[in-house]
Amino acid sequence: MRLVILDRDGVINEDSDAYIKSPGEWQPIPGSLEAIARLNRADYRVVVATNQSGVARGLFTLDTLNRIHEKMHRALAELGGNVDAIFFCPHAPDDHCDCRKPKPGLFQEIEQRLGISLDNVPVIGDSLRDLQAAQAVGAQPWLVLTGKGALTHAKLDDTLDIPVYENLAAAVDALLEDEDAR
């Protein structure tokens, strides 16, 4: 099975320091949904792993989070795309759970639920915690400059071998071109 794991806010949709609290606030980054559809057409399964501490903070409910994800699923379906599953951490940073990135709990749950190893699976994110969680399970961290990605890139140690792309569409281009070159 070929798999790609994506962060949500800042990778698929526009991010907000005030959180994405409603379906109306969820707006895709130009080209991101089309990029997911291209992955699907190339026989990749796409899974989302996202921290959603707005639930614990009382900014939105699980029902609202589900409606946000329904909007994303509908928008993807219109383009022939699909996300197989969404794994999320609803906890606040001070809850000290194992599923909040940078801890690897969400990724371990993906491994268990899908019955696969995440060794070398691309994980595309915009924050250091996305990259750290990917590395913790042997996945391949990729950084996009959308969302918080430009700030993350500025703080990265130059010795880390993490590919950096303008956005999800560019990362998918690189992934599919690399596959074609093999």
N, C-alpha and C. Protein backbone atom coordinates (compact mmCIF):
# COMPACT_ATOMS: atom_id res chain seq x y z
N MET A 1 0.84 -1.18 0.00
CA MET A 1 0.00 0.00 0.00
C MET A 1 0.89 1.25 0.00
N ARG A 2 0.59 2.16 -0.90
CA ARG A 2 1.30 3.44 -0.93
C ARG A 2 0.47 4.45 -0.17
N LEU A 3 1.12 5.14 0.74
CA LEU A 3 0.42 6.03 1.66
C LEU A 3 1.15 7.36 1.76
N VAL A 4 0.38 8.43 1.92
CA VAL A 4 0.91 9.75 2.24
C VAL A 4 0.09 10.26 3.41
N ILE A 5 0.77 10.83 4.41
CA ILE A 5 0.09 11.41 5.57
C ILE A 5 0.25 12.92 5.49
N LEU A 6 -0.86 13.62 5.66
CA LEU A 6 -0.87 15.07 5.60
C LEU A 6 -1.34 15.68 6.91
N ASP A 7 -0.71 16.77 7.29
CA ASP A 7 -1.28 17.63 8.32
C ASP A 7 -2.45 18.36 7.65
N ARG A 8 -3.36 18.93 8.42
CA ARG A 8 -4.51 19.61 7.83
C ARG A 8 -4.27 21.12 7.71
N ASP A 9 -4.32 21.82 8.85
CA ASP A 9 -4.24 23.28 8.84
C ASP A 9 -2.86 23.74 8.39
N GLY A 10 -2.82 24.55 7.35
CA GLY A 10 -1.56 25.04 6.82
C GLY A 10 -1.00 24.20 5.70
N VAL A 11 -1.56 23.01 5.48
CA VAL A 11 -1.13 22.13 4.40
C VAL A 11 -2.25 21.96 3.39
N ILE A 12 -3.42 21.54 3.88
CA ILE A 12 -4.59 21.37 3.01
C ILE A 12 -5.40 22.66 2.95
N ASN A 13 -5.60 23.26 4.11
CA ASN A 13 -6.41 24.48 4.19
C ASN A 13 -5.63 25.60 4.84
N GLU A 14 -6.12 26.81 4.61
CA GLU A 14 -5.51 27.99 5.21
C GLU A 14 -5.53 27.83 6.73
N ASP A 15 -4.48 28.28 7.38
CA ASP A 15 -4.37 28.19 8.83
C ASP A 15 -4.79 29.51 9.46
N SER A 16 -5.05 29.49 10.74
CA SER A 16 -5.39 30.70 11.47
C SER A 16 -4.89 30.57 12.90
N ASP A 17 -4.24 31.62 13.41
CA ASP A 17 -3.81 31.60 14.80
C ASP A 17 -5.01 31.59 15.74
N ALA A 18 -6.19 31.97 15.23
CA ALA A 18 -7.42 31.95 16.02
C ALA A 18 -8.16 30.63 15.84
N TYR A 19 -7.56 29.65 15.17
CA TYR A 19 -8.11 28.32 14.94
C TYR A 19 -9.18 28.34 13.85
N ILE A 20 -9.34 27.21 13.21
CA ILE A 20 -10.43 27.01 12.24
C ILE A 20 -11.58 26.44 13.07
N LYS A 21 -12.60 27.27 13.33
CA LYS A 21 -13.64 26.93 14.30
C LYS A 21 -14.98 26.58 13.68
N SER A 22 -15.10 26.68 12.36
CA SER A 22 -16.39 26.41 11.72
C SER A 22 -16.15 25.99 10.27
N PRO A 23 -17.14 25.33 9.67
CA PRO A 23 -16.98 24.98 8.25
C PRO A 23 -16.76 26.23 7.38
N GLY A 24 -17.36 27.33 7.75
CA GLY A 24 -17.19 28.56 6.97
C GLY A 24 -15.76 29.09 7.00
N GLU A 25 -15.03 28.82 8.07
CA GLU A 25 -13.64 29.27 8.19
C GLU A 25 -12.67 28.34 7.46
N TRP A 26 -13.13 27.15 7.13
CA TRP A 26 -12.26 26.19 6.45
C TRP A 26 -12.20 26.54 4.97
N GLN A 27 -11.02 26.97 4.52
CA GLN A 27 -10.81 27.35 3.12
C GLN A 27 -9.57 26.63 2.59
N PRO A 28 -9.73 25.86 1.50
CA PRO A 28 -8.56 25.13 0.99
C PRO A 28 -7.49 26.08 0.44
N ILE A 29 -6.26 25.67 0.60
CA ILE A 29 -5.14 26.38 -0.02
C ILE A 29 -5.23 26.08 -1.52
N PRO A 30 -5.10 27.09 -2.36
CA PRO A 30 -5.20 26.83 -3.81
C PRO A 30 -4.29 25.69 -4.25
N GLY A 31 -4.88 24.73 -4.97
CA GLY A 31 -4.14 23.60 -5.50
C GLY A 31 -4.04 22.40 -4.59
N SER A 32 -4.38 22.56 -3.30
CA SER A 32 -4.19 21.44 -2.36
C SER A 32 -5.16 20.29 -2.62
N LEU A 33 -6.42 20.60 -2.87
CA LEU A 33 -7.40 19.53 -3.09
C LEU A 33 -7.10 18.80 -4.40
N GLU A 34 -6.71 19.55 -5.41
CA GLU A 34 -6.32 18.94 -6.69
C GLU A 34 -5.10 18.03 -6.50
N ALA A 35 -4.18 18.44 -5.63
CA ALA A 35 -2.99 17.62 -5.36
C ALA A 35 -3.38 16.29 -4.71
N ILE A 36 -4.33 16.34 -3.79
CA ILE A 36 -4.79 15.10 -3.16
C ILE A 36 -5.45 14.20 -4.19
N ALA A 37 -6.25 14.78 -5.07
CA ALA A 37 -6.90 13.99 -6.13
C ALA A 37 -5.86 13.34 -7.04
N ARG A 38 -4.76 14.06 -7.32
CA ARG A 38 -3.69 13.48 -8.15
C ARG A 38 -3.03 12.30 -7.44
N LEU A 39 -2.84 12.43 -6.13
CA LEU A 39 -2.30 11.31 -5.35
C LEU A 39 -3.23 10.10 -5.46
N ASN A 40 -4.52 10.33 -5.31
CA ASN A 40 -5.49 9.24 -5.41
C ASN A 40 -5.42 8.57 -6.78
N ARG A 41 -5.34 9.37 -7.84
CA ARG A 41 -5.27 8.80 -9.20
C ARG A 41 -3.99 8.00 -9.41
N ALA A 42 -2.95 8.33 -8.64
CA ALA A 42 -1.68 7.59 -8.73
C ALA A 42 -1.67 6.41 -7.74
N ASP A 43 -2.83 6.07 -7.22
CA ASP A 43 -3.01 4.93 -6.31
C ASP A 43 -2.36 5.10 -4.94
N TYR A 44 -2.29 6.33 -4.47
CA TYR A 44 -1.87 6.58 -3.10
C TYR A 44 -3.10 6.70 -2.22
N ARG A 45 -3.00 6.14 -1.03
CA ARG A 45 -4.00 6.40 0.00
C ARG A 45 -3.52 7.63 0.75
N VAL A 46 -4.46 8.50 1.09
CA VAL A 46 -4.14 9.74 1.79
C VAL A 46 -4.83 9.72 3.15
N VAL A 47 -4.06 10.00 4.19
CA VAL A 47 -4.57 10.05 5.55
C VAL A 47 -4.16 11.40 6.14
N VAL A 48 -5.02 11.96 6.96
CA VAL A 48 -4.74 13.22 7.64
C VAL A 48 -4.46 12.94 9.11
N ALA A 49 -3.42 13.57 9.65
CA ALA A 49 -3.09 13.51 11.08
C ALA A 49 -2.98 14.95 11.57
N THR A 50 -3.89 15.37 12.46
CA THR A 50 -3.98 16.77 12.82
C THR A 50 -4.24 16.99 14.31
N ASN A 51 -3.52 17.95 14.88
CA ASN A 51 -3.82 18.40 16.24
C ASN A 51 -5.02 19.34 16.16
N GLN A 52 -6.01 19.12 17.00
CA GLN A 52 -7.19 19.98 17.04
C GLN A 52 -7.51 20.36 18.48
N SER A 53 -6.59 21.10 19.10
CA SER A 53 -6.75 21.47 20.51
C SER A 53 -7.89 22.45 20.73
N GLY A 54 -8.45 23.01 19.66
CA GLY A 54 -9.61 23.89 19.81
C GLY A 54 -10.78 23.18 20.47
N VAL A 55 -10.83 21.85 20.35
CA VAL A 55 -11.88 21.08 21.03
C VAL A 55 -11.70 21.20 22.54
N ALA A 56 -10.48 20.90 23.03
CA ALA A 56 -10.21 20.96 24.47
C ALA A 56 -10.32 22.39 25.00
N ARG A 57 -10.04 23.35 24.15
CA ARG A 57 -10.09 24.76 24.57
C ARG A 57 -11.52 25.30 24.56
N GLY A 58 -12.47 24.48 24.10
CA GLY A 58 -13.86 24.91 24.07
C GLY A 58 -14.19 25.87 22.93
N LEU A 59 -13.34 25.92 21.91
CA LEU A 59 -13.56 26.83 20.78
C LEU A 59 -14.53 26.25 19.77
N PHE A 60 -14.61 24.91 19.71
CA PHE A 60 -15.57 24.23 18.85
C PHE A 60 -15.78 22.82 19.40
N THR A 61 -16.86 22.20 19.00
CA THR A 61 -17.21 20.87 19.48
C THR A 61 -16.76 19.79 18.49
N LEU A 62 -16.83 18.55 18.92
CA LEU A 62 -16.53 17.44 18.01
C LEU A 62 -17.51 17.43 16.84
N ASP A 63 -18.76 17.80 17.09
CA ASP A 63 -19.74 17.88 16.01
C ASP A 63 -19.30 18.91 14.96
N THR A 64 -18.83 20.06 15.42
CA THR A 64 -18.35 21.09 14.49
C THR A 64 -17.13 20.60 13.74
N LEU A 65 -16.21 19.93 14.44
CA LEU A 65 -15.03 19.38 13.77
C LEU A 65 -15.45 18.39 12.68
N ASN A 66 -16.43 17.55 12.98
CA ASN A 66 -16.93 16.62 11.97
C ASN A 66 -17.54 17.34 10.78
N ARG A 67 -18.24 18.45 11.03
CA ARG A 67 -18.81 19.21 9.92
C ARG A 67 -17.72 19.87 9.07
N ILE A 68 -16.65 20.32 9.71
CA ILE A 68 -15.50 20.87 8.96
C ILE A 68 -14.92 19.78 8.06
N HIS A 69 -14.77 18.59 8.60
CA HIS A 69 -14.20 17.49 7.82
C HIS A 69 -15.15 17.04 6.72
N GLU A 70 -16.45 17.10 6.98
CA GLU A 70 -17.42 16.78 5.92
C GLU A 70 -17.29 17.76 4.76
N LYS A 71 -17.07 19.04 5.08
CA LYS A 71 -16.88 20.04 4.02
C LYS A 71 -15.64 19.69 3.19
N MET A 72 -14.57 19.30 3.87
CA MET A 72 -13.35 18.92 3.16
C MET A 72 -13.60 17.71 2.27
N HIS A 73 -14.27 16.69 2.81
CA HIS A 73 -14.57 15.49 2.02
C HIS A 73 -15.41 15.82 0.79
N ARG A 74 -16.42 16.67 0.95
CA ARG A 74 -17.28 17.04 -0.19
C ARG A 74 -16.48 17.79 -1.25
N ALA A 75 -15.65 18.73 -0.81
CA ALA A 75 -14.85 19.51 -1.76
C ALA A 75 -13.88 18.60 -2.52
N LEU A 76 -13.30 17.63 -1.82
CA LEU A 76 -12.40 16.67 -2.47
C LEU A 76 -13.15 15.80 -3.47
N ALA A 77 -14.32 15.32 -3.06
CA ALA A 77 -15.11 14.44 -3.93
C ALA A 77 -15.47 15.14 -5.24
N GLU A 78 -15.73 16.43 -5.18
CA GLU A 78 -16.06 17.19 -6.39
C GLU A 78 -14.91 17.17 -7.40
N LEU A 79 -13.70 16.96 -6.90
CA LEU A 79 -12.51 16.94 -7.76
C LEU A 79 -12.01 15.51 -8.00
N GLY A 80 -12.77 14.53 -7.53
CA GLY A 80 -12.35 13.14 -7.69
C GLY A 80 -11.33 12.70 -6.67
N GLY A 81 -11.23 13.42 -5.58
CA GLY A 81 -10.26 13.09 -4.54
C GLY A 81 -10.90 12.51 -3.30
N ASN A 82 -10.05 11.95 -2.45
CA ASN A 82 -10.55 11.31 -1.24
C ASN A 82 -9.45 11.25 -0.19
N VAL A 83 -9.85 11.46 1.05
CA VAL A 83 -8.99 11.21 2.20
C VAL A 83 -9.56 9.96 2.87
N ASP A 84 -8.73 8.94 3.02
CA ASP A 84 -9.19 7.66 3.56
C ASP A 84 -9.58 7.75 5.03
N ALA A 85 -8.85 8.54 5.80
CA ALA A 85 -9.13 8.64 7.23
C ALA A 85 -8.54 9.93 7.77
N ILE A 86 -9.14 10.41 8.85
CA ILE A 86 -8.63 11.59 9.55
C ILE A 86 -8.39 11.17 10.99
N PHE A 87 -7.16 11.27 11.41
CA PHE A 87 -6.79 10.99 12.79
C PHE A 87 -6.51 12.34 13.44
N PHE A 88 -7.12 12.59 14.60
CA PHE A 88 -6.93 13.89 15.23
C PHE A 88 -6.75 13.76 16.73
N CYS A 89 -6.02 14.71 17.28
CA CYS A 89 -5.83 14.83 18.72
C CYS A 89 -6.68 16.00 19.18
N PRO A 90 -7.67 15.78 20.05
CA PRO A 90 -8.53 16.85 20.52
C PRO A 90 -8.02 17.52 21.80
N HIS A 91 -6.84 17.12 22.26
CA HIS A 91 -6.35 17.56 23.56
C HIS A 91 -5.59 18.88 23.50
N ALA A 92 -5.53 19.54 24.64
CA ALA A 92 -4.74 20.77 24.79
C ALA A 92 -3.29 20.38 25.09
N PRO A 93 -2.34 21.28 24.85
CA PRO A 93 -0.93 20.96 25.12
C PRO A 93 -0.67 20.52 26.56
N ASP A 94 -1.38 21.10 27.53
CA ASP A 94 -1.13 20.75 28.93
C ASP A 94 -1.83 19.48 29.38
N ASP A 95 -2.52 18.80 28.46
CA ASP A 95 -3.14 17.51 28.79
C ASP A 95 -2.11 16.37 28.81
N HIS A 96 -0.95 16.60 28.22
CA HIS A 96 0.16 15.63 28.21
C HIS A 96 -0.27 14.26 27.68
N CYS A 97 -1.05 14.26 26.62
CA CYS A 97 -1.48 13.01 25.98
C CYS A 97 -0.36 12.48 25.10
N ASP A 98 -0.54 11.28 24.59
CA ASP A 98 0.45 10.69 23.69
C ASP A 98 0.15 10.94 22.23
N CYS A 99 -1.06 11.51 21.94
CA CYS A 99 -1.46 11.66 20.54
C CYS A 99 -1.18 13.06 19.98
N ARG A 100 -0.85 14.01 20.83
CA ARG A 100 -0.60 15.36 20.33
C ARG A 100 0.79 15.44 19.73
N LYS A 101 0.84 15.76 18.43
CA LYS A 101 2.15 15.95 17.80
C LYS A 101 2.89 17.06 18.55
N PRO A 102 4.15 16.92 18.87
CA PRO A 102 5.16 16.09 18.23
C PRO A 102 5.26 14.65 18.76
N LYS A 103 4.46 14.28 19.74
CA LYS A 103 4.49 12.87 20.18
C LYS A 103 3.94 12.01 19.04
N PRO A 104 4.35 10.76 18.98
CA PRO A 104 4.02 9.92 17.82
C PRO A 104 2.70 9.16 17.91
N GLY A 105 1.88 9.40 18.92
CA GLY A 105 0.67 8.61 19.12
C GLY A 105 -0.27 8.54 17.93
N LEU A 106 -0.51 9.66 17.24
CA LEU A 106 -1.39 9.63 16.07
C LEU A 106 -0.83 8.71 14.99
N PHE A 107 0.47 8.79 14.80
CA PHE A 107 1.11 7.98 13.77
C PHE A 107 1.12 6.50 14.16
N GLN A 108 1.30 6.22 15.44
CA GLN A 108 1.23 4.83 15.90
C GLN A 108 -0.18 4.28 15.72
N GLU A 109 -1.18 5.12 15.94
CA GLU A 109 -2.56 4.69 15.71
C GLU A 109 -2.80 4.39 14.23
N ILE A 110 -2.23 5.21 13.36
CA ILE A 110 -2.35 4.96 11.91
C ILE A 110 -1.73 3.60 11.59
N GLU A 111 -0.53 3.35 12.12
CA GLU A 111 0.12 2.06 11.87
C GLU A 111 -0.77 0.90 12.32
N GLN A 112 -1.32 1.01 13.53
CA GLN A 112 -2.16 -0.07 14.07
C GLN A 112 -3.43 -0.24 13.25
N ARG A 113 -4.13 0.85 12.97
CA ARG A 113 -5.41 0.75 12.27
C ARG A 113 -5.25 0.26 10.84
N LEU A 114 -4.16 0.68 10.18
CA LEU A 114 -3.95 0.26 8.78
C LEU A 114 -3.11 -1.02 8.67
N GLY A 115 -2.52 -1.43 9.79
CA GLY A 115 -1.72 -2.65 9.78
C GLY A 115 -0.47 -2.55 8.94
N ILE A 116 0.19 -1.37 8.99
CA ILE A 116 1.41 -1.16 8.19
C ILE A 116 2.47 -0.45 9.02
N SER A 117 3.68 -0.49 8.52
CA SER A 117 4.77 0.30 9.09
C SER A 117 4.82 1.64 8.35
N LEU A 118 5.14 2.68 9.06
CA LEU A 118 5.26 4.00 8.42
C LEU A 118 6.69 4.31 7.99
N ASP A 119 7.58 3.31 8.02
CA ASP A 119 8.95 3.53 7.57
C ASP A 119 8.95 4.14 6.17
N ASN A 120 9.57 5.30 6.05
CA ASN A 120 9.75 6.02 4.79
C ASN A 120 8.45 6.51 4.14
N VAL A 121 7.34 6.48 4.86
CA VAL A 121 6.09 7.05 4.33
C VAL A 121 6.21 8.57 4.40
N PRO A 122 5.91 9.28 3.30
CA PRO A 122 5.98 10.73 3.34
C PRO A 122 4.91 11.31 4.28
N VAL A 123 5.35 12.20 5.15
CA VAL A 123 4.47 12.95 6.03
C VAL A 123 4.69 14.42 5.70
N ILE A 124 3.65 15.08 5.20
CA ILE A 124 3.78 16.46 4.73
C ILE A 124 3.12 17.37 5.74
N GLY A 125 3.93 18.27 6.31
CA GLY A 125 3.44 19.19 7.33
C GLY A 125 4.04 20.56 7.19
N ASP A 126 3.56 21.47 8.04
CA ASP A 126 4.04 22.85 8.01
C ASP A 126 4.67 23.28 9.33
N SER A 127 4.74 22.38 10.31
CA SER A 127 5.29 22.77 11.61
C SER A 127 6.35 21.78 12.06
N LEU A 128 7.20 22.24 12.96
CA LEU A 128 8.26 21.39 13.49
C LEU A 128 7.66 20.16 14.16
N ARG A 129 6.53 20.31 14.84
CA ARG A 129 5.94 19.15 15.52
C ARG A 129 5.49 18.07 14.52
N ASP A 130 5.06 18.47 13.32
CA ASP A 130 4.72 17.48 12.28
C ASP A 130 5.97 16.68 11.91
N LEU A 131 7.07 17.40 11.70
CA LEU A 131 8.33 16.77 11.29
C LEU A 131 8.86 15.85 12.38
N GLN A 132 8.78 16.30 13.63
CA GLN A 132 9.29 15.50 14.75
C GLN A 132 8.47 14.22 14.94
N ALA A 133 7.16 14.33 14.83
CA ALA A 133 6.30 13.15 14.98
C ALA A 133 6.59 12.13 13.87
N ALA A 134 6.80 12.63 12.65
CA ALA A 134 7.13 11.74 11.54
C ALA A 134 8.44 11.01 11.80
N GLN A 135 9.45 11.76 12.22
CA GLN A 135 10.76 11.16 12.48
C GLN A 135 10.69 10.12 13.59
N ALA A 136 9.83 10.34 14.57
CA ALA A 136 9.74 9.43 15.72
C ALA A 136 9.27 8.04 15.33
N VAL A 137 8.56 7.91 14.19
CA VAL A 137 8.08 6.59 13.75
C VAL A 137 8.79 6.12 12.49
N GLY A 138 9.86 6.81 12.10
CA GLY A 138 10.63 6.39 10.94
C GLY A 138 10.03 6.80 9.61
N ALA A 139 9.02 7.68 9.67
CA ALA A 139 8.43 8.19 8.43
C ALA A 139 9.35 9.25 7.84
N GLN A 140 9.02 9.71 6.65
CA GLN A 140 9.84 10.68 5.92
C GLN A 140 9.19 12.07 6.01
N PRO A 141 9.72 12.98 6.85
CA PRO A 141 9.11 14.30 6.99
C PRO A 141 9.40 15.19 5.78
N TRP A 142 8.34 15.85 5.29
CA TRP A 142 8.44 16.83 4.22
C TRP A 142 7.81 18.11 4.74
N LEU A 143 8.42 19.24 4.42
CA LEU A 143 7.91 20.53 4.88
C LEU A 143 7.35 21.33 3.71
N VAL A 144 6.18 21.93 3.91
CA VAL A 144 5.65 22.89 2.96
C VAL A 144 5.73 24.28 3.59
N LEU A 145 5.88 25.30 2.75
CA LEU A 145 6.06 26.66 3.24
C LEU A 145 4.75 27.40 3.49
N THR A 146 3.63 26.76 3.21
CA THR A 146 2.33 27.36 3.50
C THR A 146 2.06 27.26 5.00
N GLY A 147 1.01 27.91 5.46
CA GLY A 147 0.68 27.88 6.89
C GLY A 147 1.84 28.44 7.70
N LYS A 148 2.32 27.65 8.64
CA LYS A 148 3.45 28.05 9.48
C LYS A 148 4.79 27.56 8.92
N GLY A 149 4.75 27.04 7.69
CA GLY A 149 5.93 26.43 7.10
C GLY A 149 7.11 27.35 6.91
N ALA A 150 6.87 28.59 6.50
CA ALA A 150 7.99 29.52 6.30
C ALA A 150 8.68 29.81 7.63
N LEU A 151 7.92 29.98 8.69
CA LEU A 151 8.51 30.20 10.02
C LEU A 151 9.27 28.96 10.48
N THR A 152 8.70 27.79 10.23
CA THR A 152 9.36 26.54 10.60
C THR A 152 10.67 26.40 9.84
N HIS A 153 10.64 26.69 8.54
CA HIS A 153 11.84 26.56 7.71
C HIS A 153 12.96 27.46 8.22
N ALA A 154 12.61 28.67 8.64
CA ALA A 154 13.61 29.62 9.13
C ALA A 154 14.30 29.11 10.40
N LYS A 155 13.62 28.28 11.16
CA LYS A 155 14.16 27.76 12.42
C LYS A 155 14.85 26.41 12.29
N LEU A 156 14.72 25.77 11.12
CA LEU A 156 15.28 24.42 10.94
C LEU A 156 16.80 24.44 10.94
N ASP A 157 17.36 23.40 11.50
CA ASP A 157 18.79 23.17 11.46
C ASP A 157 19.16 22.79 10.02
N ASP A 158 20.12 23.47 9.44
CA ASP A 158 20.51 23.22 8.05
C ASP A 158 21.03 21.81 7.81
N THR A 159 21.43 21.13 8.89
CA THR A 159 21.98 19.79 8.70
C THR A 159 20.88 18.74 8.55
N LEU A 160 19.65 19.09 8.86
CA LEU A 160 18.55 18.14 8.70
C LEU A 160 18.25 17.97 7.22
N ASP A 161 18.07 16.74 6.82
CA ASP A 161 17.80 16.44 5.42
C ASP A 161 16.29 16.29 5.22
N ILE A 162 15.60 17.43 5.22
CA ILE A 162 14.14 17.45 5.08
C ILE A 162 13.81 18.23 3.81
N PRO A 163 13.14 17.58 2.85
CA PRO A 163 12.77 18.32 1.64
C PRO A 163 11.75 19.41 1.96
N VAL A 164 11.89 20.53 1.26
CA VAL A 164 11.03 21.70 1.48
C VAL A 164 10.38 22.08 0.16
N TYR A 165 9.07 22.31 0.20
CA TYR A 165 8.31 22.64 -1.01
C TYR A 165 7.43 23.86 -0.76
N GLU A 166 7.14 24.56 -1.84
CA GLU A 166 6.34 25.78 -1.75
C GLU A 166 4.96 25.50 -1.14
N ASN A 167 4.34 24.38 -1.54
CA ASN A 167 3.00 24.05 -1.08
C ASN A 167 2.75 22.56 -1.33
N LEU A 168 1.55 22.11 -0.98
CA LEU A 168 1.23 20.69 -1.16
C LEU A 168 1.29 20.28 -2.62
N ALA A 169 0.82 21.13 -3.51
CA ALA A 169 0.85 20.80 -4.94
C ALA A 169 2.28 20.55 -5.41
N ALA A 170 3.23 21.37 -4.97
CA ALA A 170 4.63 21.19 -5.36
C ALA A 170 5.21 19.91 -4.74
N ALA A 171 4.83 19.61 -3.51
CA ALA A 171 5.31 18.38 -2.86
C ALA A 171 4.79 17.16 -3.61
N VAL A 172 3.52 17.19 -4.00
CA VAL A 172 2.94 16.07 -4.75
C VAL A 172 3.61 15.95 -6.12
N ASP A 173 3.88 17.08 -6.78
CA ASP A 173 4.62 17.04 -8.04
C ASP A 173 5.93 16.29 -7.86
N ALA A 174 6.68 16.64 -6.81
CA ALA A 174 7.98 16.01 -6.56
C ALA A 174 7.83 14.52 -6.27
N LEU A 175 6.85 14.17 -5.48
CA LEU A 175 6.62 12.76 -5.14
C LEU A 175 6.30 11.94 -6.39
N LEU A 176 5.40 12.46 -7.21
CA LEU A 176 5.00 11.72 -8.41
C LEU A 176 6.10 11.71 -9.47
N GLU A 177 6.89 12.80 -9.58
CA GLU A 177 8.02 12.82 -10.52
C GLU A 177 9.08 11.82 -10.09
N ASP A 178 9.34 11.74 -8.77
CA ASP A 178 10.32 10.79 -8.25
C ASP A 178 9.87 9.36 -8.55
N GLU A 179 8.60 9.12 -8.41
CA GLU A 179 8.04 7.80 -8.70
C GLU A 179 8.20 7.46 -10.18
N ASP A 180 7.93 8.44 -11.05
CA ASP A 180 8.07 8.23 -12.49
C ASP A 180 9.52 7.95 -12.88
N ALA A 181 10.45 8.54 -12.14
CA ALA A 181 11.88 8.39 -12.47
C ALA A 181 12.40 6.99 -12.12
N ARG A 182 11.67 6.28 -11.26
CA ARG A 182 12.14 4.95 -10.84
C ARG A 182 11.92 3.91 -11.89
